[in-house]
Amino acid sequence: MHRHKEDGEVLVIVAMVLGTISVVCIGVTARQCTTDQVALGPPVIALVTAFTAVALLLTATAYGH
C-alpha cells in the first residue's frame, strides 16, 4: 500500500522549500549590496517566502507535527 503524507507533513516540506528560496534570495540581495545595485525583486521575494514559511510551520504545529 502507498503511504499518503498527512497534511502537516506536506506543510513542513513546503515550508522548508520556501525557507530555502528565502535564503537564496537573501544571498542574492547581499551580493547585490556589495555592488550597490540592489533590485527590489529578491528582497521582496525573501520576505514573502520567509513569512509564508513561518505561517505554514505554525499551521503544521497546530496539526500536531
N, C-alpha and C. Protein backbone atom coordinates (compact mmCIF):
# COMPACT_ATOMS: atom_id res chain seq x y z
N MET A 1 0.83 -1.18 0.00
CA MET A 1 0.00 0.00 0.00
C MET A 1 0.88 1.25 0.00
N HIS A 2 0.40 2.27 -0.66
CA HIS A 2 1.10 3.54 -0.67
C HIS A 2 0.74 4.32 0.58
N ARG A 3 1.75 4.95 1.15
CA ARG A 3 1.52 5.78 2.33
C ARG A 3 1.32 7.22 1.88
N HIS A 4 0.19 7.78 2.20
CA HIS A 4 -0.09 9.17 1.84
C HIS A 4 0.40 10.07 2.96
N LYS A 5 1.03 11.15 2.57
CA LYS A 5 1.52 12.10 3.56
C LYS A 5 0.34 12.84 4.18
N GLU A 6 0.45 13.05 5.46
CA GLU A 6 -0.59 13.82 6.14
C GLU A 6 -0.40 15.29 5.83
N ASP A 7 -1.45 16.05 6.05
CA ASP A 7 -1.41 17.49 5.73
C ASP A 7 -0.27 18.20 6.43
N GLY A 8 -0.02 17.89 7.69
CA GLY A 8 1.04 18.55 8.44
C GLY A 8 2.41 18.29 7.86
N GLU A 9 2.64 17.05 7.40
CA GLU A 9 3.94 16.71 6.81
C GLU A 9 4.17 17.48 5.51
N VAL A 10 3.13 17.60 4.71
CA VAL A 10 3.24 18.35 3.46
C VAL A 10 3.53 19.82 3.75
N LEU A 11 2.88 20.38 4.76
CA LEU A 11 3.11 21.78 5.12
C LEU A 11 4.56 22.00 5.55
N VAL A 12 5.11 21.06 6.30
CA VAL A 12 6.50 21.19 6.74
C VAL A 12 7.44 21.14 5.54
N ILE A 13 7.20 20.25 4.60
CA ILE A 13 8.05 20.13 3.41
C ILE A 13 7.98 21.41 2.58
N VAL A 14 6.76 21.92 2.37
CA VAL A 14 6.61 23.16 1.59
C VAL A 14 7.29 24.32 2.32
N ALA A 15 7.16 24.38 3.63
CA ALA A 15 7.81 25.44 4.40
C ALA A 15 9.32 25.36 4.28
N MET A 16 9.88 24.15 4.26
CA MET A 16 11.32 24.01 4.11
C MET A 16 11.78 24.49 2.73
N VAL A 17 11.01 24.19 1.70
CA VAL A 17 11.35 24.66 0.35
C VAL A 17 11.29 26.18 0.28
N LEU A 18 10.24 26.76 0.85
CA LEU A 18 10.12 28.22 0.86
C LEU A 18 11.24 28.87 1.67
N GLY A 19 11.63 28.24 2.76
CA GLY A 19 12.76 28.75 3.54
C GLY A 19 14.04 28.75 2.74
N THR A 20 14.24 27.70 1.95
CA THR A 20 15.43 27.63 1.09
C THR A 20 15.42 28.74 0.05
N ILE A 21 14.26 28.97 -0.56
CA ILE A 21 14.15 30.05 -1.54
C ILE A 21 14.45 31.39 -0.88
N SER A 22 13.96 31.59 0.33
CA SER A 22 14.20 32.83 1.06
C SER A 22 15.69 33.04 1.31
N VAL A 23 16.37 31.98 1.72
CA VAL A 23 17.81 32.10 1.99
C VAL A 23 18.58 32.43 0.71
N VAL A 24 18.20 31.81 -0.40
CA VAL A 24 18.86 32.11 -1.68
C VAL A 24 18.64 33.57 -2.05
N CYS A 25 17.42 34.07 -1.87
CA CYS A 25 17.14 35.47 -2.20
C CYS A 25 17.90 36.42 -1.30
N ILE A 26 18.08 36.06 -0.03
CA ILE A 26 18.89 36.89 0.87
C ILE A 26 20.33 36.92 0.39
N GLY A 27 20.84 35.79 -0.07
CA GLY A 27 22.20 35.74 -0.62
C GLY A 27 22.35 36.60 -1.86
N VAL A 28 21.34 36.56 -2.74
CA VAL A 28 21.37 37.39 -3.94
C VAL A 28 21.36 38.86 -3.56
N THR A 29 20.53 39.22 -2.58
CA THR A 29 20.46 40.61 -2.13
C THR A 29 21.79 41.06 -1.53
N ALA A 30 22.41 40.20 -0.73
CA ALA A 30 23.70 40.54 -0.13
C ALA A 30 24.76 40.75 -1.20
N ARG A 31 24.74 39.91 -2.21
CA ARG A 31 25.71 40.08 -3.30
C ARG A 31 25.46 41.38 -4.05
N GLN A 32 24.19 41.73 -4.26
CA GLN A 32 23.87 42.98 -4.94
C GLN A 32 24.26 44.19 -4.10
N CYS A 33 24.19 44.07 -2.79
CA CYS A 33 24.56 45.18 -1.91
C CYS A 33 26.04 45.53 -2.05
N THR A 34 26.85 44.54 -2.34
CA THR A 34 28.28 44.81 -2.48
C THR A 34 28.59 45.61 -3.74
N THR A 35 27.68 45.56 -4.71
CA THR A 35 27.88 46.32 -5.95
C THR A 35 26.99 47.56 -6.02
N ASP A 36 26.25 47.83 -4.94
CA ASP A 36 25.33 48.98 -4.89
C ASP A 36 24.31 48.96 -6.01
N GLN A 37 23.88 47.78 -6.42
CA GLN A 37 22.86 47.65 -7.47
C GLN A 37 21.76 46.71 -6.99
N VAL A 38 21.11 47.09 -5.90
CA VAL A 38 20.08 46.22 -5.31
C VAL A 38 18.77 46.40 -6.06
N ALA A 39 18.29 45.31 -6.64
CA ALA A 39 16.99 45.31 -7.29
C ALA A 39 15.92 45.03 -6.23
N LEU A 40 14.70 45.42 -6.48
CA LEU A 40 13.64 45.26 -5.50
C LEU A 40 13.14 43.81 -5.40
N GLY A 41 13.29 43.04 -6.45
CA GLY A 41 12.73 41.69 -6.50
C GLY A 41 13.21 40.73 -5.42
N PRO A 42 14.53 40.46 -5.33
CA PRO A 42 14.98 39.47 -4.35
C PRO A 42 14.64 39.77 -2.89
N PRO A 43 14.75 41.03 -2.41
CA PRO A 43 14.36 41.27 -1.01
C PRO A 43 12.87 41.03 -0.76
N VAL A 44 12.05 41.40 -1.73
CA VAL A 44 10.60 41.20 -1.58
C VAL A 44 10.28 39.70 -1.57
N ILE A 45 10.88 38.96 -2.49
CA ILE A 45 10.66 37.51 -2.54
C ILE A 45 11.15 36.86 -1.24
N ALA A 46 12.28 37.31 -0.72
CA ALA A 46 12.81 36.75 0.52
C ALA A 46 11.83 36.96 1.67
N LEU A 47 11.28 38.17 1.79
CA LEU A 47 10.33 38.45 2.87
C LEU A 47 9.05 37.64 2.72
N VAL A 48 8.51 37.60 1.52
CA VAL A 48 7.24 36.89 1.30
C VAL A 48 7.41 35.40 1.58
N THR A 49 8.47 34.80 1.05
CA THR A 49 8.66 33.37 1.26
C THR A 49 8.98 33.05 2.72
N ALA A 50 9.71 33.93 3.39
CA ALA A 50 10.02 33.69 4.81
C ALA A 50 8.76 33.75 5.66
N PHE A 51 7.93 34.76 5.46
CA PHE A 51 6.70 34.86 6.24
C PHE A 51 5.73 33.72 5.91
N THR A 52 5.68 33.32 4.66
CA THR A 52 4.81 32.19 4.28
C THR A 52 5.31 30.91 4.92
N ALA A 53 6.62 30.71 4.94
CA ALA A 53 7.19 29.51 5.57
C ALA A 53 6.86 29.47 7.06
N VAL A 54 6.97 30.60 7.73
CA VAL A 54 6.65 30.66 9.16
C VAL A 54 5.16 30.35 9.38
N ALA A 55 4.31 30.91 8.54
CA ALA A 55 2.87 30.66 8.67
C ALA A 55 2.56 29.17 8.46
N LEU A 56 3.21 28.55 7.49
CA LEU A 56 2.98 27.12 7.25
C LEU A 56 3.49 26.27 8.41
N LEU A 57 4.64 26.65 8.98
CA LEU A 57 5.15 25.90 10.12
C LEU A 57 4.23 26.04 11.34
N LEU A 58 3.68 27.22 11.54
CA LEU A 58 2.73 27.41 12.64
C LEU A 58 1.46 26.59 12.42
N THR A 59 1.03 26.51 11.17
CA THR A 59 -0.13 25.69 10.84
C THR A 59 0.16 24.22 11.08
N ALA A 60 1.36 23.78 10.68
CA ALA A 60 1.75 22.39 10.90
C ALA A 60 1.83 22.09 12.39
N THR A 61 2.28 23.06 13.17
CA THR A 61 2.34 22.88 14.62
C THR A 61 0.93 22.72 15.18
N ALA A 62 -0.02 23.46 14.64
CA ALA A 62 -1.41 23.33 15.08
C ALA A 62 -1.96 21.94 14.76
N TYR A 63 -1.48 21.35 13.65
CA TYR A 63 -1.89 19.99 13.31
C TYR A 63 -1.22 18.96 14.23
N GLY A 64 -0.19 19.37 14.92
CA GLY A 64 0.49 18.47 15.85
C GLY A 64 1.72 17.82 15.29
N HIS A 65 2.37 18.42 14.30
CA HIS A 65 3.59 17.85 13.70
C HIS A 65 4.79 18.63 14.15
